[in-house]
Amino acid sequence: MRFTREQYIDLHLGRNIKRQMFVELFGPLIGLDEEWKLQGAMKDEIEMTGFDWDYVPTIDCGGETDVFGGKEETIVEETKEHIISTDALGRRMKLLKGFATIPLPLDYPVKDMDSWLAIKHLYTFNEKRINYEQVERAKLEQKNGVLVVANMPGGFDLPRQLLGEEELCYAYFEQPELIIDILKTAGDTTYRVLDQISDQLVIDQLSVHEDMAGKSGPMVGPNMIEEFIKPYYLKVWDMVKGKGTTIFSQDSDGNMNPVIDTFLDCGLTEMLPLEPGSNMDMVELKEKYGLTLSLKGGINKYVIKDGKQAIEKELDYKMQPKMQTGGVIFGLDHRIPNGTPIETYRYYVKYGRELLGIEPIDKKKKGWLRQAF
């Protein structure tokens, strides 16, 4: 079902709620499509369109806030197993074929203030960062119920991309002025870009990608967030919120529990994907934060392959009535794992729709319902 931007925003705010959304956030891992083909899955199932997921149409606001310009990306080496390329920052990147969709850096461009100053111009403001044709498109689409989204570099993720995780964690103590300057530069640029755009239209959602935690917890604690990330977040958020932005969404895997309160003080209104395997229990989070924090994801991706009983237990807990009062978008906590049978994934979709009061998928169009049930 298509949700309009107004319905989507209402859902986050807990007003005029007819029902929660049931979505697929990330889709299958590489290789699962071949498994499903062998199990008789249909083309529209593999493409995820056959499951009639809820969604809100989105459009980019037209502003580029991350690295801008830089070196032309080139492929250095390609084998049966991997591709090595260079990116806009000059980093060597390695993509493992058949296993990954995102290449990982083999080296990093920033070691100290001098090396940062050499590439700082890639993060400073210029008018070319704003695509006014896209701004106009977004303005028109917004009138048709499309959600306008702006992105900003992560307060942890940006310096991580420049220094690497280990060196960044050292730099917080050994080179704090370096991290401050990186985030001040990114914050000034993001502010100027989105300030000009939000004079033309309302940005509905500000999104930030961090991926700053593992199973045992985040890589930086509340004190570091307060000192380095909070001023950066609030500089941008306070401005766009003042011009009508409603949602401030953060994407971070892992156990974020120790820093949720701190990020709420940074203006955050939504977190995803809430991995249960990392102790992110969306029911407990809902009980603690109510509508202060919207929740997206939260369903354990590993239970689906365990069969009907495991699926029912998981969904009965996650989709219980008190979770259906607004501020929740139900979906798997990350990509669908390899080894997940298409039959149990179908049941997951069917049972989740039943609990949320969503009409069954049209059996005439989706023959798998007859085949499986």
Protein backbone atom coordinates (compact mmCIF):
# COMPACT_ATOMS: atom_id res chain seq x y z
CA MET A 1 0.00 0.00 0.00
CA ARG A 2 1.19 3.48 -0.86
CA PHE A 3 1.29 5.87 2.08
CA THR A 4 1.30 9.60 1.31
CA ARG A 5 3.83 11.90 2.95
CA GLU A 6 1.03 13.23 5.15
CA GLN A 7 0.06 9.72 6.29
CA TYR A 8 3.70 8.82 6.87
CA ILE A 9 4.35 11.91 8.97
CA ASP A 10 1.12 11.32 10.91
CA LEU A 11 2.28 7.78 11.65
CA HIS A 12 5.52 9.10 13.12
CA LEU A 13 3.67 11.64 15.22
CA GLY A 14 1.05 9.15 16.41
CA ARG A 15 -1.94 11.02 15.03
CA ASN A 16 -4.76 9.84 12.75
CA ILE A 17 -3.41 6.28 12.83
CA LYS A 18 -5.36 3.72 10.84
CA ARG A 19 -2.66 1.08 11.04
CA GLN A 20 1.11 0.68 11.19
CA MET A 21 3.28 0.11 8.13
CA PHE A 22 4.72 -3.31 7.22
CA VAL A 23 7.81 -2.91 5.03
CA GLU A 24 10.86 -4.64 3.63
CA LEU A 25 13.76 -2.31 4.37
CA PHE A 26 16.75 -3.86 2.63
CA GLY A 27 15.73 -6.92 0.59
CA PRO A 28 17.65 -10.21 0.08
CA LEU A 29 21.34 -10.83 0.59
CA ILE A 30 23.33 -11.65 -2.54
CA GLY A 31 22.71 -15.25 -3.51
CA LEU A 32 19.27 -15.63 -1.97
CA ASP A 33 17.63 -14.90 -5.32
CA GLU A 34 19.24 -18.01 -6.78
CA GLU A 35 18.08 -20.09 -3.81
CA TRP A 36 14.53 -18.83 -4.23
CA LYS A 37 14.53 -19.53 -7.98
CA LEU A 38 15.40 -23.16 -7.26
CA GLN A 39 12.53 -23.27 -4.75
CA GLY A 40 10.02 -22.04 -7.32
CA ALA A 41 9.79 -18.39 -6.38
CA MET A 42 8.15 -16.05 -8.85
CA LYS A 43 9.97 -13.17 -10.52
CA ASP A 44 7.94 -10.55 -8.65
CA GLU A 45 8.76 -12.25 -5.34
CA ILE A 46 12.48 -12.10 -6.02
CA GLU A 47 12.06 -8.44 -6.96
CA MET A 48 10.01 -7.92 -3.75
CA THR A 49 7.10 -6.37 -5.66
CA GLY A 50 4.95 -9.49 -5.28
CA PHE A 51 4.55 -9.02 -1.54
CA ASP A 52 2.63 -5.73 -1.77
CA TRP A 53 4.77 -4.05 0.88
CA ASP A 54 3.77 -0.74 2.37
CA TYR A 55 5.87 2.20 1.22
CA VAL A 56 6.00 5.95 1.02
CA PRO A 57 7.36 7.38 -2.24
CA THR A 58 10.40 9.58 -1.63
CA ILE A 59 12.38 12.13 -3.59
CA ASP A 60 15.75 13.70 -2.92
CA CYS A 61 15.57 17.40 -2.09
CA GLY A 62 18.28 18.31 -4.60
CA GLY A 63 21.20 19.09 -2.28
CA GLU A 64 24.59 17.35 -2.17
CA THR A 65 26.10 17.56 1.32
CA ASP A 66 28.86 14.93 1.24
CA VAL A 67 32.12 14.74 -0.74
CA PHE A 68 31.74 16.84 -3.88
CA GLY A 69 34.12 16.76 -6.82
CA GLY A 70 37.33 14.86 -6.29
CA LYS A 71 39.01 12.23 -8.39
CA GLU A 72 37.29 10.21 -11.06
CA GLU A 73 36.45 6.71 -9.92
CA THR A 74 38.50 4.07 -11.73
CA ILE A 75 38.83 0.27 -11.70
CA VAL A 76 42.36 -0.78 -10.85
CA GLU A 77 41.95 -4.54 -10.85
CA GLU A 78 39.17 -7.05 -11.49
CA THR A 79 39.27 -10.80 -10.89
CA LYS A 80 36.65 -13.52 -10.52
CA GLU A 81 36.62 -12.85 -6.78
CA HIS A 82 36.87 -9.08 -6.42
CA ILE A 83 37.04 -5.59 -7.91
CA ILE A 84 39.59 -3.05 -6.67
CA SER A 85 38.84 0.55 -7.59
CA THR A 86 39.70 4.08 -6.49
CA ASP A 87 37.02 6.51 -5.34
CA ALA A 88 36.57 10.28 -5.28
CA LEU A 89 38.82 10.54 -2.20
CA GLY A 90 41.57 8.50 -3.86
CA ARG A 91 40.98 5.53 -1.56
CA ARG A 92 41.52 2.04 -2.89
CA MET A 93 38.22 0.17 -2.49
CA LYS A 94 37.67 -3.60 -2.60
CA LEU A 95 34.36 -5.23 -3.52
CA LEU A 96 34.01 -8.98 -2.99
CA LYS A 97 31.91 -10.38 -5.83
CA GLY A 98 28.98 -12.53 -4.87
CA PHE A 99 29.20 -11.52 -1.20
CA ALA A 100 28.90 -7.76 -0.91
CA THR A 101 27.20 -4.80 -2.55
CA ILE A 102 29.33 -2.10 -0.92
CA PRO A 103 33.12 -1.91 -1.43
CA LEU A 104 35.31 -1.44 1.64
CA PRO A 105 38.32 0.91 1.88
CA LEU A 106 41.82 -0.56 1.83
CA ASP A 107 43.35 2.77 2.89
CA TYR A 108 42.30 6.23 4.08
CA PRO A 109 43.31 9.75 3.01
CA VAL A 110 43.49 11.53 6.37
CA LYS A 111 46.19 10.97 8.98
CA ASP A 112 46.51 14.44 10.48
CA MET A 113 45.48 18.07 10.01
CA ASP A 114 47.75 18.57 6.98
CA SER A 115 46.30 15.63 5.07
CA TRP A 116 42.78 16.76 5.96
CA LEU A 117 43.48 20.29 4.70
CA ALA A 118 44.62 18.78 1.39
CA ILE A 119 41.10 17.41 0.73
CA LYS A 120 39.02 19.81 2.80
CA HIS A 121 37.87 21.61 -0.36
CA LEU A 122 35.85 18.49 -1.27
CA TYR A 123 33.58 19.21 1.72
CA THR A 124 33.25 22.98 1.54
CA PHE A 125 30.22 24.79 0.16
CA ASN A 126 29.68 25.91 -3.40
CA GLU A 127 26.51 26.72 -5.30
CA LYS A 128 26.91 23.72 -7.59
CA ARG A 129 25.95 21.50 -4.66
CA ILE A 130 22.33 22.60 -5.17
CA ASN A 131 20.48 21.19 -8.18
CA TYR A 132 17.65 23.67 -8.55
CA GLU A 133 15.93 21.58 -11.23
CA GLN A 134 15.74 18.74 -8.71
CA VAL A 135 14.48 21.16 -6.07
CA GLU A 136 11.63 22.12 -8.39
CA ARG A 137 10.87 18.46 -9.13
CA ALA A 138 10.77 17.73 -5.41
CA LYS A 139 8.49 20.71 -4.87
CA LEU A 140 6.01 19.41 -7.46
CA GLU A 141 6.17 15.78 -6.27
CA GLN A 142 5.59 16.84 -2.68
CA LYS A 143 2.19 18.19 -3.72
CA ASN A 144 1.38 14.66 -4.95
CA GLY A 145 2.14 13.08 -1.58
CA VAL A 146 5.84 12.30 -2.09
CA LEU A 147 8.16 12.59 0.94
CA VAL A 148 11.06 15.01 0.44
CA VAL A 149 14.29 13.71 1.97
CA ALA A 150 17.63 15.40 2.66
CA ASN A 151 20.80 13.58 3.67
CA MET A 152 23.70 14.73 5.80
CA PRO A 153 27.04 12.97 6.38
CA GLY A 154 27.25 10.98 9.59
CA GLY A 155 28.84 12.60 12.62
CA PHE A 156 30.73 9.36 13.22
CA ASP A 157 30.62 7.93 9.71
CA LEU A 158 32.20 10.90 7.90
CA PRO A 159 35.43 11.00 9.94
CA ARG A 160 35.44 7.17 9.87
CA GLN A 161 35.43 7.30 6.06
CA LEU A 162 38.39 9.68 6.17
CA LEU A 163 40.51 8.11 8.93
CA GLY A 164 39.22 4.58 9.43
CA GLU A 165 37.55 3.35 12.61
CA GLU A 166 40.67 2.65 14.67
CA GLU A 167 42.44 5.91 13.83
CA LEU A 168 39.24 7.86 14.43
CA CYS A 169 38.87 6.44 17.93
CA TYR A 170 42.45 7.48 18.71
CA ALA A 171 41.92 10.90 17.12
CA TYR A 172 39.11 11.79 19.52
CA PHE A 173 41.79 11.91 22.23
CA GLU A 174 44.97 12.69 20.31
CA GLN A 175 43.71 15.05 17.58
CA PRO A 176 40.37 16.45 18.75
CA GLU A 177 40.89 19.66 16.77
CA LEU A 178 41.01 17.55 13.58
CA ILE A 179 37.62 15.92 14.23
CA ILE A 180 36.10 19.26 15.23
CA ASP A 181 37.27 20.86 11.99
CA ILE A 182 35.98 17.99 9.86
CA LEU A 183 32.53 18.17 11.42
CA LYS A 184 32.46 21.97 11.47
CA THR A 185 33.23 21.99 7.74
CA ALA A 186 30.57 19.38 6.97
CA GLY A 187 28.08 21.12 9.25
CA ASP A 188 28.62 24.52 7.65
CA THR A 189 28.21 23.05 4.17
CA THR A 190 25.12 21.02 5.04
CA TYR A 191 23.57 24.02 6.76
CA ARG A 192 24.10 26.31 3.79
CA VAL A 193 22.85 23.77 1.25
CA LEU A 194 19.71 22.82 3.16
CA ASP A 195 19.04 26.38 4.32
CA GLN A 196 18.78 27.57 0.72
CA ILE A 197 16.72 24.56 -0.36
CA SER A 198 14.31 24.82 2.55
CA ASP A 199 13.55 28.38 1.49
CA GLN A 200 12.03 26.80 -1.64
CA LEU A 201 10.20 23.80 -0.12
CA VAL A 202 9.71 21.97 3.17
CA ILE A 203 12.19 19.14 3.69
CA ASP A 204 10.12 16.38 5.31
CA GLN A 205 12.92 14.15 6.56
CA LEU A 206 16.58 14.65 7.42
CA SER A 207 18.48 11.34 7.22
CA VAL A 208 21.90 10.44 8.58
CA HIS A 209 23.83 7.18 8.22
CA GLU A 210 26.17 6.20 11.06
CA ASP A 211 26.61 2.40 11.44
CA MET A 212 28.57 3.12 14.58
CA ALA A 213 27.81 0.10 16.76
CA GLY A 214 28.40 -3.63 17.03
CA LYS A 215 26.72 -6.31 19.06
CA SER A 216 28.45 -5.23 22.28
CA GLY A 217 27.67 -1.53 21.89
CA PRO A 218 28.59 1.73 20.13
CA MET A 219 32.16 2.66 19.24
CA VAL A 220 31.78 6.05 20.95
CA GLY A 221 29.96 6.85 24.15
CA PRO A 222 27.72 9.69 25.35
CA ASN A 223 30.60 12.01 26.23
CA MET A 224 32.11 11.85 22.74
CA ILE A 225 28.71 12.35 21.15
CA GLU A 226 28.06 15.37 23.37
CA GLU A 227 31.42 16.92 22.54
CA PHE A 228 31.78 16.19 18.83
CA ILE A 229 28.53 15.03 17.21
CA LYS A 230 25.84 16.97 19.07
CA PRO A 231 26.93 20.45 17.91
CA TYR A 232 27.11 19.13 14.34
CA TYR A 233 23.66 17.51 14.43
CA LEU A 234 21.93 20.43 16.13
CA LYS A 235 23.40 23.06 13.81
CA VAL A 236 21.59 21.41 10.89
CA TRP A 237 18.54 19.99 12.68
CA ASP A 238 17.56 23.18 14.51
CA MET A 239 17.56 25.05 11.21
CA VAL A 240 15.54 22.57 9.13
CA LYS A 241 13.14 21.86 12.00
CA GLY A 242 12.50 25.57 12.24
CA LYS A 243 11.50 25.49 8.57
CA GLY A 244 9.08 22.60 8.94
CA THR A 245 11.10 19.36 8.88
CA THR A 246 9.41 16.69 11.00
CA ILE A 247 11.59 13.56 10.95
CA PHE A 248 15.28 13.21 11.84
CA SER A 249 16.18 9.61 11.04
CA GLN A 250 19.38 7.74 11.93
CA ASP A 251 20.48 4.44 10.39
CA SER A 252 22.88 2.50 12.60
CA ASP A 253 23.33 -1.21 13.05
CA GLY A 254 24.28 -2.76 16.38
CA ASN A 255 23.48 -2.03 20.00
CA MET A 256 22.72 1.68 20.30
CA ASN A 257 21.02 1.46 23.71
CA PRO A 258 23.81 3.23 25.64
CA VAL A 259 23.59 6.34 23.46
CA ILE A 260 19.90 6.64 22.54
CA ASP A 261 19.18 9.27 25.19
CA THR A 262 22.16 11.32 24.05
CA PHE A 263 21.06 11.19 20.44
CA LEU A 264 17.56 12.26 21.44
CA ASP A 265 19.22 15.34 22.91
CA CYS A 266 20.82 15.81 19.48
CA GLY A 267 17.35 16.10 17.93
CA LEU A 268 16.96 12.56 16.62
CA THR A 269 13.36 11.38 16.17
CA GLU A 270 13.75 7.97 14.48
CA MET A 271 16.16 5.02 14.61
CA LEU A 272 16.58 1.96 12.40
CA PRO A 273 17.02 -0.98 11.86
CA LEU A 274 16.90 -2.09 15.56
CA GLU A 275 18.68 -5.46 15.46
CA PRO A 276 17.31 -7.87 18.11
CA GLY A 277 20.56 -9.83 17.95
CA SER A 278 22.27 -6.71 19.29
CA ASN A 279 19.81 -6.29 22.18
CA MET A 280 17.67 -3.71 20.40
CA ASP A 281 14.23 -4.82 21.57
CA MET A 282 11.66 -2.60 19.89
CA VAL A 283 8.95 -3.48 22.43
CA GLU A 284 11.13 -2.35 25.30
CA LEU A 285 12.15 0.76 23.36
CA LYS A 286 8.52 1.60 22.67
CA GLU A 287 7.65 1.21 26.35
CA LYS A 288 10.55 3.48 27.34
CA TYR A 289 10.32 6.22 24.73
CA GLY A 290 6.73 6.16 23.45
CA LEU A 291 6.32 8.61 20.56
CA THR A 292 9.52 10.45 21.44
CA LEU A 293 11.44 8.00 19.28
CA SER A 294 9.99 6.40 16.14
CA LEU A 295 11.11 2.83 15.47
CA LYS A 296 11.73 1.22 12.08
CA GLY A 297 12.67 -2.44 11.51
CA GLY A 298 13.01 -4.47 14.68
CA ILE A 299 11.91 -7.94 13.48
CA ASN A 300 14.55 -10.64 13.82
CA LYS A 301 15.63 -11.62 10.31
CA TYR A 302 16.92 -15.01 11.46
CA VAL A 303 13.62 -16.38 12.81
CA ILE A 304 12.01 -16.64 9.39
CA LYS A 305 14.01 -19.69 8.36
CA ASP A 306 13.05 -21.41 11.63
CA GLY A 307 9.48 -22.00 10.51
CA LYS A 308 5.91 -21.12 11.31
CA GLN A 309 6.06 -21.36 15.11
CA ALA A 310 9.15 -19.15 15.38
CA ILE A 311 7.61 -16.58 13.05
CA GLU A 312 4.37 -16.47 15.04
CA LYS A 313 6.20 -16.10 18.34
CA GLU A 314 8.31 -13.22 17.00
CA LEU A 315 5.45 -11.37 15.36
CA ASP A 316 2.97 -11.93 18.21
CA TYR A 317 5.49 -10.18 20.47
CA LYS A 318 6.59 -7.41 18.13
CA MET A 319 3.16 -6.63 16.64
CA GLN A 320 1.14 -6.83 19.85
CA PRO A 321 -1.65 -4.21 20.18
CA LYS A 322 0.34 -1.75 22.29
CA MET A 323 2.89 -1.58 19.44
CA GLN A 324 0.21 -0.44 17.02
CA THR A 325 -0.40 3.02 18.43
CA GLY A 326 1.86 5.04 16.12
CA GLY A 327 5.56 5.65 15.76
CA VAL A 328 6.40 2.12 14.55
CA ILE A 329 7.23 0.82 11.07
CA PHE A 330 7.57 -2.96 11.15
CA GLY A 331 10.19 -4.70 9.03
CA LEU A 332 13.17 -7.03 9.17
CA ASP A 333 16.19 -5.69 11.01
CA HIS A 334 18.41 -6.06 7.93
CA ARG A 335 18.78 -8.01 4.69
CA ILE A 336 17.00 -11.35 4.34
CA PRO A 337 19.68 -13.99 5.16
CA ASN A 338 20.76 -16.72 2.79
CA GLY A 339 19.15 -20.00 3.75
CA THR A 340 15.74 -18.41 4.26
CA PRO A 341 13.18 -20.58 2.41
CA ILE A 342 10.73 -18.76 0.19
CA GLU A 343 7.88 -20.72 1.80
CA THR A 344 8.61 -19.43 5.30
CA TYR A 345 9.19 -15.89 4.00
CA ARG A 346 5.74 -16.09 2.40
CA TYR A 347 4.26 -17.14 5.73
CA TYR A 348 6.04 -14.28 7.49
CA VAL A 349 4.39 -11.84 5.09
CA LYS A 350 0.97 -13.49 5.42
CA TYR A 351 0.98 -13.68 9.22
CA GLY A 352 2.30 -10.16 9.69
CA ARG A 353 -0.44 -8.78 7.46
CA GLU A 354 -3.05 -10.65 9.48
CA LEU A 355 -1.81 -9.21 12.78
CA LEU A 356 -1.84 -5.68 11.41
CA GLY A 357 -5.26 -6.04 9.81
CA ILE A 358 -3.93 -5.69 6.27
CA GLU A 359 -6.00 -7.30 3.53
CA PRO A 360 -4.58 -10.53 2.08
CA ILE A 361 -2.57 -10.22 -1.10
CA ASP A 362 -4.80 -10.72 -4.15
CA LYS A 363 -4.69 -14.48 -4.71
CA LYS A 364 -5.64 -14.12 -8.35
CA LYS A 365 -2.52 -12.07 -8.96
CA LYS A 366 -0.22 -13.82 -6.48
CA GLY A 367 -0.52 -17.52 -7.17
CA TRP A 368 2.01 -18.43 -4.49
CA LEU A 369 -0.67 -18.00 -1.81
CA ARG A 370 -2.55 -20.92 -3.35
CA GLN A 371 0.65 -22.92 -3.69
CA ALA A 372 1.86 -22.39 -0.14
CA PHE A 373 -1.35 -22.27 1.85
